[in-house]
């Protein structure tokens, strides 16, 4: 950054020196020289900033990379990021305050590739009266790298970070607290599988790096429960009115960043939201990323295979807004190392009966809540439940041995407003909807009710059992879950 600033100032000095030399030799040439086309995005930004400062007094002005788009397809290429960076520097040095807090001016722009040159059109709107000032310029295309006119993953991460960190709500929260807002960042997950992937892990890593450049957000780090105790957490839970923000309790943060992505035939749509402890959305962002731009796998093959075998995404989708399970490391796809203590937290939005199962990498399924020692599973809202319960005096410690190697457990949570009798899980009976290792996609409610009448079922029919049992009793059924990965 220091090198860039030095080079920038050096270019400005050379530019001014040339003007002075021409003026001394022939003053009539000064006007002609000053209207030469810029030779780079940096010079263009200098020219536009000079035009703006001549027309309007310094004040609060707001813009971001997404403010500058391609006129034809409305994309935000690399060039947009450069323009936002250079204009921020130029206007700041001229006395403007770049802020989203009640700005005096809104700066937007577009550009159009006209073959031999790229034309730029900038608009400054006065927020007091809506009047707009227009500024134009152009650069010969031979002066612009073709890569600057393209989008890439970097521009996507820059756009998302600026959306999240620079929203008016985020700025107001930052201003009122007079400090950075502590935001806990959850994994970016496949909306269908609720698991991460090489793509999502890499993409989120880049977004974290971009967010860290802003002065409005500080990224919260997971705090082991052993260092804080659960009594204080349970007291805070009584004040929670919306489950979306409940994770702020165990992460000791002021807000939570959640991200999901949806895979289509030729693109991925990524959605992010930052929500506060009341579940209110502070900022959000959405980007469409062509698959051709992504080099890493977008799906976790193990999660995809397990979801198919268990029927998680071929069953009728269940709402997840009434129950939430999470850890101090996240609420969807988390990793623990050998020796770490795992504590699961559960909250409900209404009185519900809750059932929690762990599915290992070999699809072995075990009930972990309720237990034989404590069969009570009727949970109340505004209460933070821990698994294992604090009063049990037991801990879950990650151990990786040849007999029990590290891997991935899929934690399945079902909740209902009516108590559902639990079946015995045994591999001694065949799975009803599994044929030659493949689950039938033609399941009907009749099939699920048939399974729900059985006392003993194959573990792979568990999802269908809950669907059928809820339908038979007229109960409302909800589901949540997370992937718990362990490693050395």
Protein backbone atom coordinates (compact mmCIF):
# COMPACT_ATOMS: atom_id res chain seq x y z
CA UNK A 1 0.00 0.00 0.00
CA UNK A 2 2.88 2.37 0.85
CA UNK A 3 4.52 1.66 -2.50
CA UNK A 4 1.29 2.40 -4.35
CA UNK A 5 0.92 5.74 -2.57
CA UNK A 6 4.50 6.74 -3.39
CA UNK A 7 4.05 5.83 -7.07
CA UNK A 8 0.76 7.70 -7.18
CA UNK A 9 2.26 10.91 -5.80
CA UNK A 10 5.27 10.57 -8.11
CA UNK A 11 2.96 10.34 -11.13
CA UNK A 12 1.11 13.45 -9.98
CA UNK A 13 4.38 15.40 -9.60
CA UNK A 14 5.57 14.34 -13.06
CA UNK A 15 2.19 15.33 -14.51
CA UNK A 16 2.35 18.80 -12.90
CA UNK A 17 5.99 19.24 -13.93
CA UNK A 18 5.13 18.57 -17.58
CA UNK A 19 2.36 21.16 -17.44
CA UNK A 20 4.77 23.70 -15.97
CA UNK A 21 7.42 23.03 -18.63
CA UNK A 22 4.92 23.41 -21.47
CA UNK A 23 3.52 26.58 -19.92
CA UNK A 24 7.00 28.11 -19.73
CA UNK A 25 7.80 27.24 -23.34
CA UNK A 26 4.43 28.22 -24.87
CA UNK A 27 1.50 29.23 -22.63
CA UNK A 28 -0.97 28.61 -25.45
CA UNK A 29 -0.25 24.90 -25.21
CA UNK A 30 -1.40 24.59 -21.59
CA UNK A 31 -5.12 24.39 -22.40
CA UNK A 32 -4.55 21.74 -25.08
CA UNK A 33 -2.43 19.62 -22.76
CA UNK A 34 -4.93 19.70 -19.93
CA UNK A 35 -7.57 18.11 -22.14
CA UNK A 36 -5.47 15.18 -23.29
CA UNK A 37 -7.24 11.87 -22.63
CA UNK A 38 -6.15 10.09 -19.43
CA UNK A 39 -3.79 7.19 -20.03
CA UNK A 40 -4.86 5.05 -17.06
CA UNK A 41 -7.76 4.54 -14.61
CA UNK A 42 -5.69 6.39 -12.01
CA UNK A 43 -5.32 9.48 -14.24
CA UNK A 44 -9.01 9.23 -15.12
CA UNK A 45 -9.90 9.29 -11.42
CA UNK A 46 -7.66 12.31 -10.91
CA UNK A 47 -9.39 14.14 -13.77
CA UNK A 48 -12.92 13.30 -12.56
CA UNK A 49 -12.06 14.23 -8.98
CA UNK A 50 -10.75 17.60 -10.21
CA UNK A 51 -13.95 18.19 -12.18
CA UNK A 52 -16.07 17.33 -9.14
CA UNK A 53 -14.13 19.56 -6.74
CA UNK A 54 -14.47 22.50 -9.16
CA UNK A 55 -18.26 22.13 -9.36
CA UNK A 56 -19.31 21.28 -5.81
CA UNK A 57 -18.03 22.15 -2.32
CA UNK A 58 -16.43 19.42 -0.24
CA UNK A 59 -18.83 17.42 1.92
CA UNK A 60 -20.03 13.91 2.59
CA UNK A 61 -20.08 11.70 -0.51
CA UNK A 62 -20.96 8.02 -0.86
CA UNK A 63 -19.94 5.41 -3.44
CA UNK A 64 -18.49 1.90 -3.62
CA UNK A 65 -17.17 -0.45 -6.34
CA UNK A 66 -20.71 -1.57 -7.18
CA UNK A 67 -21.51 2.11 -7.93
CA UNK A 68 -19.56 1.85 -11.21
CA UNK A 69 -20.94 -0.62 -13.75
CA UNK A 70 -20.63 -1.67 -17.36
CA UNK A 71 -23.40 0.12 -19.28
CA UNK A 72 -24.29 -2.95 -21.36
CA UNK A 73 -24.53 -5.81 -18.87
CA UNK A 74 -24.42 -3.95 -15.51
CA UNK A 75 -21.47 -6.08 -14.38
CA UNK A 76 -18.89 -4.80 -11.91
CA UNK A 77 -15.47 -5.70 -13.36
CA UNK A 78 -11.98 -5.19 -11.98
CA UNK A 79 -11.99 -1.65 -13.35
CA UNK A 80 -14.84 -0.69 -10.99
CA UNK A 81 -12.74 -1.66 -7.99
CA UNK A 82 -9.82 0.42 -9.27
CA UNK A 83 -12.02 3.45 -9.88
CA UNK A 84 -13.53 3.25 -6.40
CA UNK A 85 -10.08 2.97 -4.82
CA UNK A 86 -8.54 5.85 -6.78
CA UNK A 87 -11.57 8.14 -6.41
CA UNK A 88 -11.64 7.51 -2.67
CA UNK A 89 -8.02 8.62 -2.45
CA UNK A 90 -8.44 11.67 -4.70
CA UNK A 91 -11.66 12.96 -3.15
CA UNK A 92 -10.46 12.33 0.41
CA UNK A 93 -7.33 14.38 -0.26
CA UNK A 94 -9.61 17.17 -1.56
CA UNK A 95 -11.56 17.35 1.70
CA UNK A 96 -14.48 15.01 0.92
CA UNK A 97 -15.67 12.54 3.55
CA UNK A 98 -16.54 9.20 1.94
CA UNK A 99 -19.33 7.88 4.15
CA UNK A 100 -22.78 6.30 4.11
CA UNK A 101 -23.89 8.45 7.03
CA UNK A 102 -26.37 10.97 5.58
CA UNK A 103 -24.17 11.87 2.60
CA UNK A 104 -24.54 15.21 0.81
CA UNK A 105 -23.81 13.54 -2.54
CA UNK A 106 -24.22 10.11 -4.14
CA UNK A 107 -21.63 9.27 -6.80
CA UNK A 108 -22.43 6.67 -9.47
CA UNK A 109 -20.96 5.91 -12.85
CA UNK A 110 -20.92 3.67 -15.88
CA UNK A 111 -18.62 2.96 -18.78
CA UNK A 112 -19.02 1.77 -22.34
CA UNK A 113 -16.51 0.01 -24.57
CA UNK A 114 -16.77 1.80 -27.95
CA UNK A 115 -14.13 -0.19 -29.79
CA UNK A 116 -11.16 2.17 -29.90
CA UNK A 117 -11.90 3.75 -26.54
CA UNK A 118 -13.88 3.29 -23.35
CA UNK A 119 -16.13 6.19 -22.38
CA UNK A 120 -16.93 6.97 -18.75
CA UNK A 121 -20.03 8.72 -17.41
CA UNK A 122 -20.19 9.89 -13.79
CA UNK A 123 -23.18 11.34 -11.97
CA UNK A 124 -23.15 13.23 -8.68
CA UNK A 125 -26.60 13.56 -7.15
CA UNK A 126 -27.25 16.14 -4.46
CA UNK A 127 -29.30 14.42 -1.77
CA UNK A 128 -30.86 17.69 -0.59
CA UNK A 129 -32.69 18.44 -3.85
CA UNK A 130 -32.05 15.47 -6.15
CA UNK A 131 -30.24 17.59 -8.74
CA UNK A 132 -27.54 15.77 -10.71
CA UNK A 133 -24.23 16.91 -12.15
CA UNK A 134 -22.69 14.90 -14.99
CA UNK A 135 -19.01 14.35 -15.76
CA UNK A 136 -17.52 12.46 -18.69
CA UNK A 137 -14.14 11.25 -19.87
CA UNK A 138 -12.59 8.45 -21.90
CA UNK A 139 -9.48 6.29 -22.18
CA UNK A 140 -8.08 4.75 -25.36
CA UNK A 141 -8.52 0.99 -25.15
CA UNK A 142 -4.87 0.39 -25.93
CA UNK A 143 -4.19 2.00 -22.53
CA UNK A 144 -6.47 -0.44 -20.68
CA UNK A 145 -5.64 -4.07 -19.98
CA UNK A 146 -8.51 -6.27 -21.27
CA UNK A 147 -8.54 -8.00 -17.87
CA UNK A 148 -9.70 -4.75 -16.25
CA UNK A 149 -12.97 -4.94 -18.16
CA UNK A 150 -13.76 -8.44 -16.90
CA UNK A 151 -15.26 -9.72 -13.69
CA UNK A 152 -13.40 -12.28 -11.59
CA UNK A 153 -13.74 -13.86 -8.16
CA UNK A 154 -11.73 -11.03 -6.61
CA UNK A 155 -14.23 -8.41 -7.79
CA UNK A 156 -17.05 -10.55 -6.42
CA UNK A 157 -15.44 -10.69 -2.97
CA UNK A 158 -14.69 -6.94 -3.03
CA UNK A 159 -18.33 -6.17 -3.93
CA UNK A 160 -19.70 -8.43 -1.19
CA UNK A 161 -17.36 -7.03 1.46
CA UNK A 162 -18.24 -3.43 0.56
CA UNK A 163 -21.97 -4.24 0.63
CA UNK A 164 -21.66 -5.80 4.09
CA UNK A 165 -19.27 -3.30 5.67
CA UNK A 166 -20.56 -0.08 4.11
CA UNK A 167 -24.33 -0.30 4.42
CA UNK A 168 -26.04 2.66 6.15
CA UNK A 169 -27.24 0.37 8.97
CA UNK A 170 -23.75 -0.98 9.52
CA UNK A 171 -22.32 2.54 9.56
CA UNK A 172 -24.98 3.79 12.00
CA UNK A 173 -24.33 0.86 14.34
CA UNK A 174 -20.60 1.58 14.15
CA UNK A 175 -21.21 5.29 14.78
CA UNK A 176 -23.50 4.77 17.77
CA UNK A 177 -21.09 2.35 19.45
CA UNK A 178 -18.07 4.47 18.47
CA UNK A 179 -16.12 1.26 17.82
CA UNK A 180 -15.87 -1.62 15.42
CA UNK A 181 -18.80 -4.04 15.44
CA UNK A 182 -17.83 -7.55 16.49
CA UNK A 183 -19.13 -9.96 13.83
CA UNK A 184 -18.88 -13.74 14.07
CA UNK A 185 -18.55 -15.31 10.63
CA UNK A 186 -20.32 -18.61 10.02
CA UNK A 187 -19.20 -20.97 7.24
CA UNK A 188 -20.55 -20.32 3.74
CA UNK A 189 -22.68 -23.37 2.96
CA UNK A 190 -24.50 -25.08 0.13
CA UNK A 191 -28.15 -24.16 0.80
CA UNK A 192 -29.33 -27.59 -0.29
CA UNK A 193 -26.81 -29.80 1.52
CA UNK A 194 -26.02 -27.38 4.39
CA UNK A 195 -22.34 -28.25 4.05
CA UNK A 196 -19.22 -26.42 2.96
CA UNK A 197 -17.16 -27.19 -0.14
CA UNK A 198 -13.66 -26.34 -1.40
CA UNK A 199 -15.22 -23.43 -3.32
CA UNK A 200 -17.12 -22.00 -0.34
CA UNK A 201 -14.17 -22.31 2.05
CA UNK A 202 -11.84 -20.52 -0.39
CA UNK A 203 -14.42 -17.86 -1.28
CA UNK A 204 -15.21 -17.09 2.36
CA UNK A 205 -11.49 -16.85 3.19
CA UNK A 206 -11.16 -14.13 0.54
CA UNK A 207 -14.23 -12.29 1.81
CA UNK A 208 -12.82 -12.31 5.37
CA UNK A 209 -9.62 -10.73 4.05
CA UNK A 210 -11.62 -7.98 2.31
CA UNK A 211 -13.85 -7.32 5.33
CA UNK A 212 -10.77 -6.97 7.53
CA UNK A 213 -9.79 -3.86 5.51
CA UNK A 214 -12.81 -1.89 6.78
CA UNK A 215 -12.90 0.07 10.02
CA UNK A 216 -16.52 -0.79 10.81
CA UNK A 217 -16.10 -4.53 11.51
CA UNK A 218 -13.88 -6.69 13.68
CA UNK A 219 -14.07 -10.44 13.13
CA UNK A 220 -14.99 -12.29 16.35
CA UNK A 221 -13.07 -15.41 17.29
CA UNK A 222 -14.67 -18.54 18.83
CA UNK A 223 -14.39 -18.61 22.62
CA UNK A 224 -14.26 -22.05 24.32
CA UNK A 225 -17.24 -22.53 26.61
CA UNK A 226 -14.90 -23.73 29.37
CA UNK A 227 -13.47 -20.21 29.54
CA UNK A 228 -16.87 -18.59 30.00
CA UNK A 229 -19.19 -21.13 31.64
CA UNK A 230 -22.79 -21.70 30.57
CA UNK A 231 -24.66 -19.96 33.39
CA UNK A 232 -23.96 -16.49 32.00
CA UNK A 233 -24.90 -17.71 28.53
CA UNK A 234 -28.22 -19.06 29.78
CA UNK A 235 -29.01 -15.72 31.45
CA UNK A 236 -28.42 -13.94 28.14
CA UNK A 237 -30.60 -16.47 26.31
CA UNK A 238 -33.66 -15.29 28.24
CA UNK A 239 -33.45 -12.00 26.33
CA UNK A 240 -33.38 -13.61 22.87
CA UNK A 241 -36.53 -12.91 20.86
CA UNK A 242 -35.35 -14.19 17.45
CA UNK A 243 -33.36 -17.36 16.79
CA UNK A 244 -31.48 -15.79 13.87
CA UNK A 245 -29.40 -13.73 16.28
CA UNK A 246 -29.18 -16.25 19.10
CA UNK A 247 -25.67 -17.35 18.17
CA UNK A 248 -24.32 -13.99 19.35
CA UNK A 249 -24.77 -15.37 22.88
CA UNK A 250 -22.22 -18.16 22.64
CA UNK A 251 -19.81 -16.34 20.34
CA UNK A 252 -19.76 -13.19 22.48
CA UNK A 253 -20.30 -11.10 19.35
CA UNK A 254 -22.65 -8.28 18.40
CA UNK A 255 -23.72 -9.73 15.06
CA UNK A 256 -23.55 -12.89 12.94
CA UNK A 257 -22.59 -13.22 9.28
CA UNK A 258 -24.43 -16.05 7.53
CA UNK A 259 -23.88 -17.14 3.96
CA UNK A 260 -25.60 -19.62 1.65
CA UNK A 261 -25.15 -20.40 -2.01
CA UNK A 262 -27.47 -21.95 -4.57
CA UNK A 263 -26.13 -24.00 -7.48
CA UNK A 264 -27.81 -23.61 -10.87
CA UNK A 265 -27.01 -25.04 -14.29
CA UNK A 266 -24.45 -22.39 -15.23
CA UNK A 267 -23.95 -20.22 -12.15
CA UNK A 268 -23.87 -20.02 -8.37
CA UNK A 269 -25.90 -17.42 -6.47
CA UNK A 270 -24.30 -16.38 -3.18
CA UNK A 271 -26.31 -14.67 -0.42
CA UNK A 272 -24.90 -13.09 2.75
CA UNK A 273 -26.60 -11.42 5.71
CA UNK A 274 -25.27 -9.79 8.86
CA UNK A 275 -27.89 -9.98 11.63
CA UNK A 276 -27.76 -8.52 15.14
CA UNK A 277 -28.77 -10.25 18.40
CA UNK A 278 -32.44 -9.44 17.71
CA UNK A 279 -32.29 -11.07 14.29
CA UNK A 280 -32.48 -7.71 12.51
CA UNK A 281 -30.62 -7.59 9.20
CA UNK A 282 -27.88 -4.96 9.37
CA UNK A 283 -26.51 -5.53 5.88
CA UNK A 284 -26.76 -8.03 3.06
CA UNK A 285 -25.27 -8.88 -0.30
CA UNK A 286 -25.95 -11.12 -3.27
CA UNK A 287 -23.69 -12.06 -6.16
CA UNK A 288 -24.18 -14.28 -9.20
CA UNK A 289 -20.99 -16.14 -10.11
CA UNK A 290 -20.70 -18.00 -13.44
CA UNK A 291 -19.53 -21.59 -12.96
CA UNK A 292 -16.88 -20.90 -15.60
CA UNK A 293 -15.29 -18.53 -13.08
CA UNK A 294 -15.07 -21.24 -10.39
CA UNK A 295 -12.23 -23.77 -10.49
CA UNK A 296 -12.92 -25.57 -7.19
CA UNK A 297 -15.69 -28.13 -6.47
CA UNK A 298 -18.93 -26.54 -5.31
CA UNK A 299 -20.28 -29.64 -3.53
CA UNK A 300 -19.04 -31.88 -0.73
CA UNK A 301 -19.31 -35.36 -2.22
CA UNK A 302 -19.64 -37.12 1.13
CA UNK A 303 -22.43 -34.79 2.25
CA UNK A 304 -24.14 -35.16 -1.12
CA UNK A 305 -24.01 -38.96 -0.94
CA UNK A 306 -25.23 -39.07 2.66
CA UNK A 307 -28.07 -36.64 1.99
CA UNK A 308 -29.17 -38.84 -0.90
CA UNK A 309 -29.09 -42.05 1.14
CA UNK A 310 -30.95 -40.50 4.09
CA UNK A 311 -33.41 -38.69 1.83
CA UNK A 312 -32.63 -35.29 3.32
CA UNK A 313 -33.22 -33.23 0.19
CA UNK A 314 -35.61 -35.54 -1.62
CA UNK A 315 -38.08 -35.39 1.27
CA UNK A 316 -40.50 -32.50 1.58
CA UNK A 317 -38.45 -29.52 2.88
CA UNK A 318 -39.04 -28.70 6.52
CA UNK A 319 -38.95 -25.19 8.02
CA UNK A 320 -35.90 -24.45 10.16
CA UNK A 321 -37.01 -21.16 11.72
CA UNK A 322 -38.39 -22.73 14.91
CA UNK A 323 -35.32 -24.59 16.13
CA UNK A 324 -31.61 -23.90 16.02
CA UNK A 325 -28.56 -25.98 16.88
CA UNK A 326 -25.09 -24.43 16.92
CA UNK A 327 -21.65 -24.47 18.51
CA UNK A 328 -19.15 -21.79 19.50
CA UNK A 329 -17.55 -22.35 16.08
CA UNK A 330 -20.63 -21.98 13.91
CA UNK A 331 -24.07 -23.33 13.21
CA UNK A 332 -23.82 -25.32 9.98
CA UNK A 333 -20.45 -26.89 9.17
CA UNK A 334 -17.78 -26.78 11.87
CA UNK A 335 -14.42 -28.47 12.54
CA UNK A 336 -12.96 -29.60 15.85
CA UNK A 337 -9.46 -30.93 16.46
CA UNK A 338 -8.39 -33.84 18.65
CA UNK A 339 -8.50 -32.86 22.31
CA UNK A 340 -11.07 -30.08 21.88
CA UNK A 341 -14.31 -30.12 23.87
CA UNK A 342 -17.53 -30.08 21.84
CA UNK A 343 -20.64 -28.46 23.28
CA UNK A 344 -23.85 -28.26 21.27
CA UNK A 345 -26.40 -25.52 21.97
CA UNK A 346 -30.11 -25.80 21.18
CA UNK A 347 -32.82 -23.16 21.22
CA UNK A 348 -36.47 -23.22 20.15
CA UNK A 349 -38.83 -20.41 19.21
CA UNK A 350 -41.87 -22.11 20.78
CA UNK A 351 -42.47 -25.05 23.14
CA UNK A 352 -41.37 -28.10 21.11
CA UNK A 353 -40.39 -31.74 21.51
CA UNK A 354 -36.82 -32.16 20.25
CA UNK A 355 -34.95 -35.21 18.97
CA UNK A 356 -31.27 -35.16 18.02
CA UNK A 357 -29.35 -37.86 16.14
CA UNK A 358 -25.71 -38.20 15.07
CA UNK A 359 -24.97 -39.83 11.71
CA UNK A 360 -21.35 -40.87 11.16
CA UNK A 361 -19.43 -41.27 7.89
CA UNK A 362 -20.61 -44.89 7.57
CA UNK A 363 -24.25 -43.82 8.04
CA UNK A 364 -24.48 -45.33 11.52
CA UNK A 365 -27.18 -43.39 13.38
CA UNK A 366 -27.35 -42.87 17.14
CA UNK A 367 -29.83 -40.95 19.29
CA UNK A 368 -27.97 -38.38 21.42
CA UNK A 369 -31.00 -36.47 22.77
CA UNK A 370 -33.07 -37.32 24.73
CA UNK A 371 -31.16 -39.95 26.68
CA UNK A 372 -32.25 -42.91 28.79
CA UNK A 373 -30.92 -41.12 31.87
CA UNK A 374 -32.91 -37.97 31.07
CA UNK A 375 -35.85 -38.64 28.72
CA UNK A 376 -37.18 -35.08 29.03
CA UNK A 377 -37.19 -33.50 25.56
CA UNK A 378 -39.90 -30.82 25.81
CA UNK A 379 -37.94 -27.60 25.37
CA UNK A 380 -39.03 -24.04 26.11
CA UNK A 381 -38.22 -20.79 24.24
CA UNK A 382 -35.81 -18.16 25.62
CA UNK A 383 -33.78 -20.97 27.16
CA UNK A 384 -30.33 -22.15 26.07
CA UNK A 385 -29.97 -25.92 26.27
CA UNK A 386 -26.55 -27.58 26.20
CA UNK A 387 -25.67 -31.06 24.99
CA UNK A 388 -24.40 -32.76 27.01
CA UNK A 389 -26.38 -31.00 29.79
CA UNK A 390 -24.26 -29.05 32.26
CA UNK A 391 -25.76 -30.94 35.20
CA UNK A 392 -24.72 -34.27 33.68
CA UNK A 393 -21.09 -33.55 34.53
CA UNK A 394 -19.86 -35.11 31.27
CA UNK A 395 -17.96 -33.72 28.28
CA UNK A 396 -17.59 -34.62 24.62
CA UNK A 397 -13.86 -34.65 23.86
CA UNK A 398 -12.66 -35.25 20.31
CA UNK A 399 -10.46 -38.34 20.10
CA UNK A 400 -9.10 -39.89 16.92
CA UNK A 401 -8.06 -43.54 17.19
CA UNK A 402 -7.67 -46.43 14.71
CA UNK A 403 -10.89 -47.90 16.13
CA UNK A 404 -12.74 -44.56 16.00
CA UNK A 405 -11.03 -42.42 13.36
CA UNK A 406 -11.76 -38.75 12.80
CA UNK A 407 -14.42 -37.98 10.23
CA UNK A 408 -17.72 -36.17 9.80
CA UNK A 409 -20.88 -36.51 11.86
CA UNK A 410 -24.13 -35.15 10.50
CA UNK A 411 -26.15 -33.87 13.46
CA UNK A 412 -29.86 -34.17 12.62
CA UNK A 413 -32.40 -32.28 14.71
CA UNK A 414 -36.15 -32.84 14.52
CA UNK A 415 -38.70 -30.83 16.48
CA UNK A 416 -42.45 -31.17 16.74
CA UNK A 417 -45.33 -29.57 18.63
CA UNK A 418 -46.52 -33.09 19.52
CA UNK A 419 -44.51 -35.88 21.11
CA UNK A 420 -43.48 -38.48 18.55
CA UNK A 421 -42.78 -42.02 19.83
CA UNK A 422 -39.28 -43.09 18.82
CA UNK A 423 -38.70 -46.35 16.96
CA UNK A 424 -35.92 -48.84 17.59
CA UNK A 425 -33.18 -48.43 14.99
CA UNK A 426 -31.76 -51.71 13.74
CA UNK A 427 -29.97 -52.93 10.62
CA UNK A 428 -31.72 -56.28 11.07
CA UNK A 429 -34.67 -54.96 9.06
CA UNK A 430 -34.44 -53.74 5.48
CA UNK A 431 -34.86 -50.10 4.56
CA UNK A 432 -38.27 -49.64 2.96
CA UNK A 433 -37.25 -47.10 0.34
CA UNK A 434 -33.72 -48.29 -0.43
CA UNK A 435 -33.31 -50.57 -3.45
CA UNK A 436 -29.84 -51.81 -4.41
CA UNK A 437 -28.23 -49.05 -2.41
CA UNK A 438 -30.30 -46.29 -4.03
CA UNK A 439 -33.17 -44.41 -2.40
CA UNK A 440 -36.41 -44.25 -4.33
CA UNK A 441 -37.38 -40.70 -5.28
CA UNK A 442 -41.01 -41.73 -5.77
CA UNK A 443 -41.82 -41.82 -2.09
CA UNK A 444 -45.32 -40.82 -1.10
CA UNK A 445 -46.92 -39.75 2.13
CA UNK A 446 -48.53 -43.20 2.16
CA UNK A 447 -45.08 -44.84 2.19
CA UNK A 448 -43.94 -42.58 5.02
CA UNK A 449 -47.03 -43.35 7.10
CA UNK A 450 -46.37 -47.05 6.52
CA UNK A 451 -42.86 -46.63 7.94
CA UNK A 452 -44.20 -44.59 10.88
CA UNK A 453 -46.38 -47.54 11.98
CA UNK A 454 -43.33 -49.75 12.47
CA UNK A 455 -41.79 -50.30 15.92
CA UNK A 456 -38.42 -51.23 14.47
CA UNK A 457 -36.99 -49.50 11.42
CA UNK A 458 -33.79 -49.44 9.45
CA UNK A 459 -31.77 -46.31 10.41
CA UNK A 460 -31.85 -45.15 6.79
CA UNK A 461 -35.65 -44.77 7.05
CA UNK A 462 -35.40 -42.33 9.97
CA UNK A 463 -36.21 -39.17 7.95
CA UNK A 464 -39.25 -40.81 6.36
CA UNK A 465 -40.35 -42.06 9.78
CA UNK A 466 -40.52 -38.53 11.20
CA UNK A 467 -42.37 -37.25 8.14
CA UNK A 468 -44.90 -40.07 8.40
CA UNK A 469 -45.34 -39.88 12.18
CA UNK A 470 -45.96 -36.12 12.03
CA UNK A 471 -48.50 -36.54 9.23
CA UNK A 472 -50.36 -39.28 11.11
CA UNK A 473 -50.63 -37.28 14.33
CA UNK A 474 -51.29 -33.91 12.67
CA UNK A 475 -48.12 -32.49 14.19
CA UNK A 476 -46.02 -29.67 12.83
CA UNK A 477 -42.50 -30.86 12.07
CA UNK A 478 -39.30 -28.76 11.93
CA UNK A 479 -35.71 -29.67 11.22
CA UNK A 480 -32.23 -28.23 11.64
CA UNK A 481 -28.74 -29.70 11.66
CA UNK A 482 -25.04 -29.22 11.25
CA UNK A 483 -21.96 -31.07 10.05
CA UNK A 484 -19.47 -31.72 12.83
CA UNK A 485 -16.06 -32.51 11.36
CA UNK A 486 -13.21 -33.83 13.47
CA UNK A 487 -9.54 -34.05 12.63
CA UNK A 488 -6.07 -34.23 14.11
